[in-house]
Protein backbone atom coordinates (compact mmCIF):
# COMPACT_ATOMS: atom_id res chain seq x y z
CA UNK A 1 145.98 346.15 118.80
CA UNK A 2 147.20 343.35 121.30
CA UNK A 3 150.45 345.38 122.00
CA UNK A 4 147.78 348.70 122.74
CA UNK A 5 145.98 346.59 125.05
CA UNK A 6 148.65 345.23 127.23
CA UNK A 7 150.47 348.33 127.13
CA UNK A 8 147.45 349.73 128.79
CA UNK A 9 147.16 346.72 131.30
CA UNK A 10 150.68 347.47 131.93
CA UNK A 11 150.05 351.10 132.76
CA UNK A 12 147.30 350.70 134.69
CA UNK A 13 149.12 348.17 137.17
CA UNK A 14 151.88 350.62 137.04
CA UNK A 15 149.50 353.40 138.29
CA UNK A 16 147.78 351.40 140.74
CA UNK A 17 151.27 349.98 142.17
CA UNK A 18 152.37 353.83 142.24
CA UNK A 19 148.84 354.75 144.06
CA UNK A 20 149.81 351.85 146.49
CA UNK A 21 153.24 352.81 146.93
CA UNK A 22 152.27 356.74 147.66
CA UNK A 23 149.62 355.48 149.97
CA UNK A 24 151.95 353.80 151.74
CA UNK A 25 154.41 356.55 151.81
CA UNK A 26 151.87 359.02 152.77
CA UNK A 27 150.83 356.80 156.04
CA UNK A 28 154.25 357.62 157.74
CA UNK A 29 154.50 361.58 156.50
CA UNK A 30 151.06 361.66 157.71
CA UNK A 31 151.88 360.59 161.04
CA UNK A 32 154.65 362.87 161.07
CA UNK A 33 152.74 365.86 160.11
CA UNK A 34 150.06 365.08 162.79
CA UNK A 35 152.84 364.52 165.29
CA UNK A 36 154.64 367.73 164.24
CA UNK A 37 151.34 369.84 164.45
CA UNK A 38 150.18 368.29 167.96
CA UNK A 39 153.56 369.18 169.25
CA UNK A 40 153.21 372.77 168.29
CA UNK A 41 149.54 373.31 169.57
CA UNK A 42 150.23 371.79 172.96
CA UNK A 43 153.01 374.10 174.00
CA UNK A 44 151.43 376.33 176.65
CA UNK A 45 152.63 379.50 174.80
CA UNK A 46 150.42 382.67 173.26
CA UNK A 47 148.58 381.38 170.13
CA UNK A 48 148.47 377.62 170.55
CA UNK A 49 145.15 375.62 171.15
CA UNK A 50 146.09 374.33 174.46
CA UNK A 51 147.14 378.15 175.88
CA UNK A 52 143.87 379.56 174.83
CA UNK A 53 142.14 376.61 176.80
CA UNK A 54 144.50 376.40 179.54
CA UNK A 55 144.15 380.00 180.43
CA UNK A 56 140.42 379.80 180.90
CA UNK A 57 138.70 376.53 180.52
CA UNK A 58 135.92 376.36 178.21
CA UNK A 59 134.00 373.93 180.16
CA UNK A 60 131.70 374.30 182.79
CA UNK A 61 132.90 372.65 186.13
CA UNK A 62 130.68 372.24 189.12
CA UNK A 63 131.24 371.24 192.75
CA UNK A 64 128.38 369.05 194.24
CA UNK A 65 128.24 368.69 197.89
CA UNK A 66 126.27 365.95 199.99
CA UNK A 67 126.32 366.91 203.62
CA UNK A 68 126.12 363.83 206.34
CA UNK A 69 123.32 364.88 208.70
CA UNK A 70 123.77 363.40 212.07
CA UNK A 71 120.60 361.52 213.35
CA UNK A 72 121.42 361.07 216.91
CA UNK A 73 123.81 363.36 218.21
CA UNK A 74 122.80 362.93 221.98
CA UNK A 75 122.92 358.97 221.95
CA UNK A 76 126.82 359.30 220.19
CA UNK A 77 127.84 361.90 223.21
CA UNK A 78 126.17 360.11 226.32
CA UNK A 79 126.33 356.38 225.21
CA UNK A 80 129.18 356.34 222.66
CA UNK A 81 126.61 354.85 220.28
CA UNK A 82 127.47 354.49 216.39
CA UNK A 83 126.82 357.70 214.52
CA UNK A 84 124.01 357.44 212.06
CA UNK A 85 124.05 359.80 209.23
CA UNK A 86 121.66 360.67 206.72
CA UNK A 87 123.42 361.86 203.03
CA UNK A 88 121.69 365.06 201.89
CA UNK A 89 122.50 366.68 198.61
CA UNK A 90 123.73 367.63 196.16
CA UNK A 91 124.18 371.19 196.77
CA UNK A 92 126.02 372.67 193.74
CA UNK A 93 128.46 375.55 193.03
CA UNK A 94 129.81 376.61 189.81
CA UNK A 95 133.62 376.79 190.23
CA UNK A 96 137.00 377.31 188.28
CA UNK A 97 135.09 379.70 186.14
CA UNK A 98 137.90 382.48 186.47
CA UNK A 99 140.96 382.50 184.14
CA UNK A 100 144.35 381.97 185.38
CA UNK A 101 146.23 385.10 186.60
CA UNK A 102 149.75 386.66 187.02
CA UNK A 103 150.67 384.02 184.01
CA UNK A 104 154.76 384.73 183.48
CA UNK A 105 156.62 382.70 180.99
CA UNK A 106 160.51 382.18 181.67
CA UNK A 107 161.97 381.35 178.11
CA UNK A 108 165.11 380.35 180.42
CA UNK A 109 163.97 377.06 182.24
CA UNK A 110 160.94 376.85 179.75
CA UNK A 111 158.29 377.32 182.57
CA UNK A 112 155.34 379.13 182.91
CA UNK A 113 153.93 380.40 186.55
CA UNK A 114 150.73 381.60 187.45
CA UNK A 115 147.95 381.40 189.94
CA UNK A 116 144.35 380.07 189.76
CA UNK A 117 141.73 382.29 191.38
CA UNK A 118 139.03 380.68 193.36
CA UNK A 119 135.34 381.14 193.21
CA UNK A 120 132.05 379.59 193.98
CA UNK A 121 128.69 380.60 192.73
CA UNK A 122 125.55 378.52 193.99
CA UNK A 123 123.39 377.09 191.35
CA UNK A 124 120.08 376.67 192.85
CA UNK A 125 118.48 374.76 189.81
CA UNK A 126 121.01 371.89 190.23
CA UNK A 127 120.52 371.52 194.29
CA UNK A 128 118.19 370.07 196.51
CA UNK A 129 117.60 373.24 198.97
CA UNK A 130 119.25 376.46 199.61
CA UNK A 131 122.31 377.63 201.14
CA UNK A 132 120.56 378.29 204.37
CA UNK A 133 119.28 374.50 204.86
CA UNK A 134 120.82 373.55 208.38
CA UNK A 135 122.39 370.32 209.18
CA UNK A 136 123.66 368.58 212.64
CA UNK A 137 127.29 368.12 211.97
CA UNK A 138 130.61 367.64 214.03
CA UNK A 139 131.43 370.60 215.95
CA UNK A 140 134.64 371.39 214.15
CA UNK A 141 136.28 373.63 216.83
CA UNK A 142 135.59 371.73 219.62
CA UNK A 143 136.73 368.36 217.95
CA UNK A 144 140.02 370.27 216.66
CA UNK A 145 140.82 371.70 220.15
CA UNK A 146 140.60 368.54 221.89
CA UNK A 147 143.33 367.21 219.45
CA UNK A 148 145.47 369.63 219.28
CA UNK A 149 145.75 370.39 223.07
CA UNK A 150 145.89 367.29 224.88
CA UNK A 151 147.62 368.77 228.02
CA UNK A 152 145.16 368.04 230.77
CA UNK A 153 145.14 372.07 232.40
CA UNK A 154 144.59 373.32 229.12
CA UNK A 155 142.02 370.81 228.40
CA UNK A 156 140.49 372.09 231.67
CA UNK A 157 140.66 375.62 230.54
CA UNK A 158 139.11 374.97 227.18
CA UNK A 159 136.42 373.20 228.86
CA UNK A 160 135.09 376.12 230.72
CA UNK A 161 135.15 377.98 227.60
CA UNK A 162 133.28 375.56 225.80
CA UNK A 163 130.69 375.37 228.35
CA UNK A 164 130.40 378.97 228.67
CA UNK A 165 129.65 379.27 224.73
CA UNK A 166 127.08 376.52 225.07
CA UNK A 167 129.13 374.22 222.45
CA UNK A 168 129.19 370.78 222.31
CA UNK A 169 130.34 367.64 220.30
CA UNK A 170 127.80 368.34 217.68
CA UNK A 171 126.12 371.41 216.30
CA UNK A 172 123.69 372.73 213.79
CA UNK A 173 124.98 375.03 210.95
CA UNK A 174 123.72 376.14 207.43
CA UNK A 175 125.23 375.06 204.23
CA UNK A 176 126.81 378.31 203.83
CA UNK A 177 128.30 378.41 207.18
CA UNK A 178 129.57 374.73 207.14
CA UNK A 179 131.28 375.51 203.50
CA UNK A 180 132.35 378.96 203.62
CA UNK A 181 132.97 379.91 207.36
CA UNK A 182 131.20 381.24 210.46
CA UNK A 183 132.35 383.05 213.69
CA UNK A 184 132.65 380.25 216.03
CA UNK A 185 131.23 380.99 219.82
CA UNK A 186 133.85 378.94 221.61
CA UNK A 187 136.67 380.28 219.76
CA UNK A 188 135.62 383.94 220.28
CA UNK A 189 136.09 383.59 224.08
CA UNK A 190 139.49 382.31 223.65
CA UNK A 191 141.80 385.17 225.44
CA UNK A 192 144.47 385.07 222.56
CA UNK A 193 144.68 386.25 218.89
CA UNK A 194 143.74 383.27 216.90
CA UNK A 195 141.56 382.96 213.95
CA UNK A 196 137.82 382.50 215.05
CA UNK A 197 136.11 381.81 211.71
CA UNK A 198 135.88 378.29 211.19
CA UNK A 199 134.67 376.68 207.69
CA UNK A 200 135.48 373.55 205.58
CA UNK A 201 136.41 375.61 202.68
CA UNK A 202 137.39 378.86 204.41
CA UNK A 203 138.68 381.23 203.17
CA UNK A 204 137.85 380.18 199.40
CA UNK A 205 136.18 383.07 197.64
CA UNK A 206 138.80 385.44 196.28
CA UNK A 207 141.55 383.57 197.13
CA UNK A 208 144.23 381.68 194.90
CA UNK A 209 145.59 378.31 195.59
CA UNK A 210 149.12 379.14 195.53
CA UNK A 211 151.76 379.96 192.62
CA UNK A 212 152.15 376.78 190.38
CA UNK A 213 155.16 376.79 187.85
CA UNK A 214 154.44 374.48 185.03
CA UNK A 215 156.60 373.30 181.74
CA UNK A 216 155.47 375.28 178.89
CA UNK A 217 156.76 371.89 176.85
CA UNK A 218 158.70 374.44 174.46
CA UNK A 219 161.90 372.52 174.91
CA UNK A 220 160.55 368.87 175.39
CA UNK A 221 157.09 368.15 174.73
CA UNK A 222 156.87 365.41 177.00
CA UNK A 223 157.27 367.65 179.98
CA UNK A 224 154.48 369.94 178.97
CA UNK A 225 151.99 371.16 181.84
CA UNK A 226 153.97 369.06 184.35
CA UNK A 227 154.41 371.05 187.68
CA UNK A 228 158.04 372.20 188.37
CA UNK A 229 157.32 373.80 191.80
CA UNK A 230 154.30 374.88 193.88
CA UNK A 231 154.44 377.36 196.33
CA UNK A 232 151.41 376.72 198.06
CA UNK A 233 149.50 377.76 201.26
CA UNK A 234 149.70 374.34 202.32
CA UNK A 235 152.50 373.16 204.01
CA UNK A 236 153.96 370.33 202.15
CA UNK A 237 157.55 370.07 203.73
CA UNK A 238 156.11 367.81 206.49
CA UNK A 239 156.21 364.58 204.53
CA UNK A 240 159.77 362.75 204.69
CA UNK A 241 161.47 361.14 201.92
CA UNK A 242 159.95 361.54 198.48
CA UNK A 243 156.58 362.24 199.86
CA UNK A 244 157.09 366.05 199.44
CA UNK A 245 157.45 365.72 195.56
CA UNK A 246 154.91 367.23 193.68
CA UNK A 247 154.63 365.01 190.71
CA UNK A 248 152.50 365.31 187.51
CA UNK A 249 150.31 367.91 186.12
CA UNK A 250 147.11 369.87 187.67
CA UNK A 251 145.09 366.85 185.81
CA UNK A 252 143.79 369.41 183.33
CA UNK A 253 146.03 367.87 180.54
CA UNK A 254 149.05 365.40 180.15
CA UNK A 255 151.94 365.28 177.71
CA UNK A 256 150.43 364.17 174.38
CA UNK A 257 150.50 360.84 172.74
CA UNK A 258 149.34 359.00 175.84
CA UNK A 259 149.36 355.48 175.81
CA UNK A 260 147.24 353.17 177.54
CA UNK A 261 150.20 351.72 179.60
CA UNK A 262 151.09 355.03 181.22
CA UNK A 263 150.42 355.97 184.48
CA UNK A 264 148.92 359.51 184.86
CA UNK A 265 150.64 361.49 187.72
CA UNK A 266 148.71 364.91 189.19
CA UNK A 267 148.94 366.61 191.99
CA UNK A 268 145.85 367.59 194.14
CA UNK A 269 146.03 370.44 196.57
CA UNK A 270 142.87 369.41 198.27
CA UNK A 271 144.55 366.13 199.44
CA UNK A 272 148.12 367.83 199.75
CA UNK A 273 149.83 365.13 197.61
CA UNK A 274 150.36 364.01 194.17
CA UNK A 275 148.23 360.85 193.09
CA UNK A 276 147.97 358.58 190.10
CA UNK A 277 145.56 357.05 187.63
CA UNK A 278 145.60 354.06 185.62
CA UNK A 279 143.84 352.97 182.32
CA UNK A 280 140.27 351.40 182.46
CA UNK A 281 138.48 351.64 179.31
CA UNK A 282 138.11 353.18 175.78
CA UNK A 283 135.18 355.67 175.86
CA UNK A 284 133.60 357.83 172.97
CA UNK A 285 132.77 360.96 174.47
CA UNK A 286 130.80 363.29 171.75
CA UNK A 287 132.33 361.57 168.73
CA UNK A 288 135.69 361.98 170.28
CA UNK A 289 137.64 358.51 171.34
CA UNK A 290 139.16 359.04 175.01
CA UNK A 291 141.05 356.96 177.40
CA UNK A 292 139.42 356.61 180.74
CA UNK A 293 141.97 356.57 183.52
CA UNK A 294 140.62 355.79 187.27
CA UNK A 295 142.52 356.03 190.62
CA UNK A 296 142.95 352.68 191.77
CA UNK A 297 142.18 351.40 195.22
CA UNK A 298 146.02 350.62 195.61
CA UNK A 299 146.63 354.39 196.01
CA UNK A 300 145.10 354.50 199.08
CA UNK A 301 146.46 351.26 200.47
CA UNK A 302 148.20 350.68 203.48
CA UNK A 303 151.68 350.61 203.69
CA UNK A 304 151.55 347.13 204.15
CA UNK A 305 149.75 346.83 200.75
CA UNK A 306 151.33 349.29 199.16
CA UNK A 307 154.89 350.19 200.31
CA UNK A 308 154.70 353.29 198.35
CA UNK A 309 152.66 354.67 201.11
CA UNK A 310 154.76 354.34 203.75
CA UNK A 311 155.43 357.82 204.42
CA UNK A 312 151.99 358.92 204.71
CA UNK A 313 151.65 356.75 207.94
CA UNK A 314 152.40 359.62 210.39
CA UNK A 315 151.04 357.68 213.54
CA UNK A 316 150.55 354.41 214.64
CA UNK A 317 147.20 354.45 216.82
CA UNK A 318 144.52 355.51 214.71
CA UNK A 319 146.06 353.75 211.70
CA UNK A 320 146.38 350.47 213.57
CA UNK A 321 150.13 350.31 213.23
CA UNK A 322 149.65 351.30 209.55
CA UNK A 323 147.51 348.51 208.69
CA UNK A 324 144.39 350.62 208.02
CA UNK A 325 143.68 351.81 204.60
CA UNK A 326 141.46 354.26 202.32
CA UNK A 327 142.13 357.09 204.68
CA UNK A 328 144.62 360.02 204.48
CA UNK A 329 146.04 361.99 207.31
CA UNK A 330 146.20 365.44 206.06
CA UNK A 331 146.29 367.09 209.72
CA UNK A 332 149.92 368.42 208.90
CA UNK A 333 148.84 370.59 206.03
CA UNK A 334 145.54 371.44 207.97
CA UNK A 335 147.48 373.53 210.85
CA UNK A 336 147.33 370.11 213.21
CA UNK A 337 143.73 370.01 212.74
CA UNK A 338 142.58 366.21 212.46
CA UNK A 339 141.37 366.58 208.87
CA UNK A 340 140.95 362.79 207.17
CA UNK A 341 140.41 362.54 203.62
CA UNK A 342 138.83 359.31 201.81
CA UNK A 343 137.09 358.24 198.99
CA UNK A 344 132.80 358.88 199.70
CA UNK A 345 131.30 356.57 201.89
CA UNK A 346 134.72 355.29 202.80
CA UNK A 347 134.70 353.16 199.35
CA UNK A 348 137.95 351.18 199.62
CA UNK A 349 138.59 352.01 203.05
CA UNK A 350 139.19 349.04 205.83
CA UNK A 351 136.21 348.19 207.66
CA UNK A 352 137.68 349.74 210.84
CA UNK A 353 136.88 353.30 209.25
CA UNK A 354 132.97 352.84 208.49
CA UNK A 355 132.38 350.32 211.09
CA UNK A 356 130.99 353.20 213.86
CA UNK A 357 128.90 354.71 211.21
CA UNK A 358 125.53 353.76 210.16
CA UNK A 359 123.93 355.27 207.11
CA UNK A 360 126.88 354.63 204.21
CA UNK A 361 126.50 352.63 201.26
CA UNK A 362 130.04 353.11 199.01
CA UNK A 363 129.31 352.67 195.21
CA UNK A 364 132.10 352.13 193.00
CA UNK A 365 130.42 353.91 190.24
CA UNK A 366 129.05 356.91 191.86
CA UNK A 367 131.96 357.52 194.35
CA UNK A 368 135.03 356.68 192.16
CA UNK A 369 137.51 359.28 190.67
CA UNK A 370 138.16 359.50 186.78
CA UNK A 371 139.66 361.15 183.86
CA UNK A 372 138.58 360.84 180.42
CA UNK A 373 141.70 362.02 178.32
CA UNK A 374 142.14 362.51 174.88
CA UNK A 375 145.36 360.37 173.98
CA UNK A 376 146.65 362.25 171.02
CA UNK A 377 146.58 365.89 172.74
CA UNK A 378 146.52 364.82 176.01
CA UNK A 379 143.85 367.20 177.17
CA UNK A 380 141.33 366.11 179.83
CA UNK A 381 138.00 366.50 178.42
CA UNK A 382 135.95 365.08 181.24
CA UNK A 383 136.59 364.10 184.77
CA UNK A 384 135.03 363.43 188.01
CA UNK A 385 137.10 363.97 191.15
CA UNK A 386 135.22 362.82 194.48
CA UNK A 387 136.55 363.19 197.90
CA UNK A 388 135.17 362.74 201.36
CA UNK A 389 136.31 364.88 204.21
CA UNK A 390 136.25 363.34 207.84
CA UNK A 391 137.48 364.70 211.26
CA UNK A 392 138.95 362.56 213.93
CA UNK A 393 137.56 362.76 217.22
CA UNK A 394 138.80 361.14 220.20
CA UNK A 395 137.74 360.70 224.01
CA UNK A 396 138.94 363.78 225.97
CA UNK A 397 138.69 363.25 229.76
CA UNK A 398 138.81 367.09 230.86
CA UNK A 399 136.39 367.92 227.99
CA UNK A 400 132.70 367.30 229.19
CA UNK A 401 131.65 367.30 225.52
CA UNK A 402 133.80 364.27 224.85
CA UNK A 403 134.50 362.81 228.07
CA UNK A 404 131.78 360.02 227.53
CA UNK A 405 133.48 358.58 224.35
CA UNK A 406 134.84 355.31 224.65
CA UNK A 407 136.33 355.09 221.16
CA UNK A 408 137.80 357.44 218.43
CA UNK A 409 135.80 358.15 215.54
CA UNK A 410 136.58 359.30 212.07
CA UNK A 411 133.32 361.29 211.49
CA UNK A 412 132.52 362.18 207.90
CA UNK A 413 131.25 365.69 207.38
CA UNK A 414 130.41 365.52 203.72
CA UNK A 415 131.69 364.47 200.08
CA UNK A 416 132.27 366.26 197.11
CA UNK A 417 132.01 365.47 193.49
CA UNK A 418 133.72 367.91 191.14
CA UNK A 419 133.12 367.46 187.32
CA UNK A 420 133.59 369.07 184.31
CA UNK A 421 132.61 367.59 180.86
CA UNK A 422 133.64 369.47 177.42
CA UNK A 423 131.04 371.45 175.79
CA UNK A 424 129.23 370.73 172.53
CA UNK A 425 130.57 373.78 170.73
CA UNK A 426 134.16 373.07 171.92
CA UNK A 427 133.69 369.31 171.16
CA UNK A 428 132.52 370.48 167.54
CA UNK A 429 135.75 372.40 167.54
CA UNK A 430 138.00 369.66 168.92
CA UNK A 431 136.64 367.28 166.26
CA UNK A 432 137.20 369.88 163.15
CA UNK A 433 140.91 370.69 164.32
CA UNK A 434 141.98 367.57 165.80
CA UNK A 435 140.18 364.22 165.59
CA UNK A 436 138.47 365.60 162.01
CA UNK A 437 141.72 366.14 160.23
CA UNK A 438 143.50 362.89 161.56
CA UNK A 439 140.44 360.83 160.46
CA UNK A 440 140.66 362.54 157.02
CA UNK A 441 144.26 361.91 156.97
CA UNK A 442 143.81 358.38 157.72
CA UNK A 443 140.90 358.15 155.28
CA UNK A 444 142.90 359.24 152.34
CA UNK A 445 145.96 357.12 153.19
CA UNK A 446 143.59 353.88 153.47
CA UNK A 447 141.80 354.88 149.87
CA UNK A 448 145.23 355.65 148.27
CA UNK A 449 146.43 352.46 149.57
CA UNK A 450 143.38 350.32 148.72
CA UNK A 451 142.71 351.45 145.44
CA UNK A 452 146.33 351.13 144.25
CA UNK A 453 146.47 347.63 145.64
CA UNK A 454 143.02 346.89 143.65
CA UNK A 455 144.04 348.42 140.47
CA UNK A 456 147.28 346.53 140.67
CA UNK A 457 146.10 343.49 141.18
CA UNK A 458 143.06 343.60 138.81
CA UNK A 459 144.97 344.98 135.76
CA UNK A 460 148.04 342.24 136.72
CA UNK A 461 145.08 339.53 136.52
CA UNK A 462 143.91 341.23 133.16
CA UNK A 463 147.23 341.00 131.58
CA UNK A 464 147.94 337.57 132.50
CA UNK A 465 144.70 336.44 131.38
CA UNK A 466 145.44 338.18 127.90
CA UNK A 467 149.05 336.70 127.62
CA UNK A 468 147.62 333.47 128.18
CA UNK A 469 145.02 333.98 125.14
CA UNK A 470 147.82 335.18 123.06
CA UNK A 471 150.00 331.93 123.61
CA UNK A 472 147.16 329.66 122.78
């Protein structure tokens, strides 16, 4: 009887040890299975989860606009006063709802090329007004013409056309005109064959943002979704040195198994450059653990603060010998028009940019850009891209509308917030197909390991106690 009991205790201990060992073995095996599955499903080819979500996002993406309505246009033109602005918005459009087009796989270099059609649908229920709301804003054509044509004689000719068209430094435009285009009265009088339609995002609807070619990850999963080439409508060849390099992805996804130490590189055609985000915090998004990556202030720093930005300083006067920061000159990819990009309300910009503007209130939480990335797959499940569009205005002695100015202005026109969050249905599917399976496998591993250890310890204690009594 004693032998039977001892044998039973030993057998139980052995079973516990086997379970513990099996649980320990299952952990790396499970990790290998997870890694293999993820590597298969994030490849951008027909039939994978990544490809299905990549071709057409299941997330509703909205672009909100806040317009800076100028309150004292006459004072500015006559006395070169500070510009007083009042933010009005949001005016919301649904964007990125069209599927990628002209998708072509290249099996030789493991890339896939495509175009992303553009479209914007106004959403009245998410807006404070209509597309016919009017604003007093900078006259885009007058400001650009004075900057592009600085010859005194040419400016005299332009001045006569500006006066004849009754144009001035500021103008009143509807939201629809300002965003998507209007026939400019001054430009229509120019006796040359030039574009006469002006708009901050003209043309947009029924256009495509160039041809992208990205690695599909078939040969190397570390390259998946990383841009190989970009043949866009914007000329990027003006940047010297490495500034014309397009690094990273389009920010919709990144190579899988993202670590907190990784710097996420992505390209934005809105600012004509690649930029990066760094880890900030862990976030729970609809039951899915994600990493929040944010654009650091250093990304927009001056070359003095961040030498990596030296090639984005293209002139010495406005940039105060390349010491100003937080504002990016993108005029070279805007056909010479003096367009500058910043974060909303000149967040993280040097004081000289915002000093002549009254009514700004930069706020880190409302005005920064962030990406919420699921670390195992590398998918971006939520994002907020915030940008401000500004235009440079300088005094022009031969143009009456600008001759009274005594200083340069970076005039903010609007700022936008483009956001997208994984929907409830997609989040549930993601939890079931990705995080749910991973959590279940992890739970099984821990249960086997824990039960095995407990059984082994319990049976060994009982066995030792039994042996002790027998000796006595």
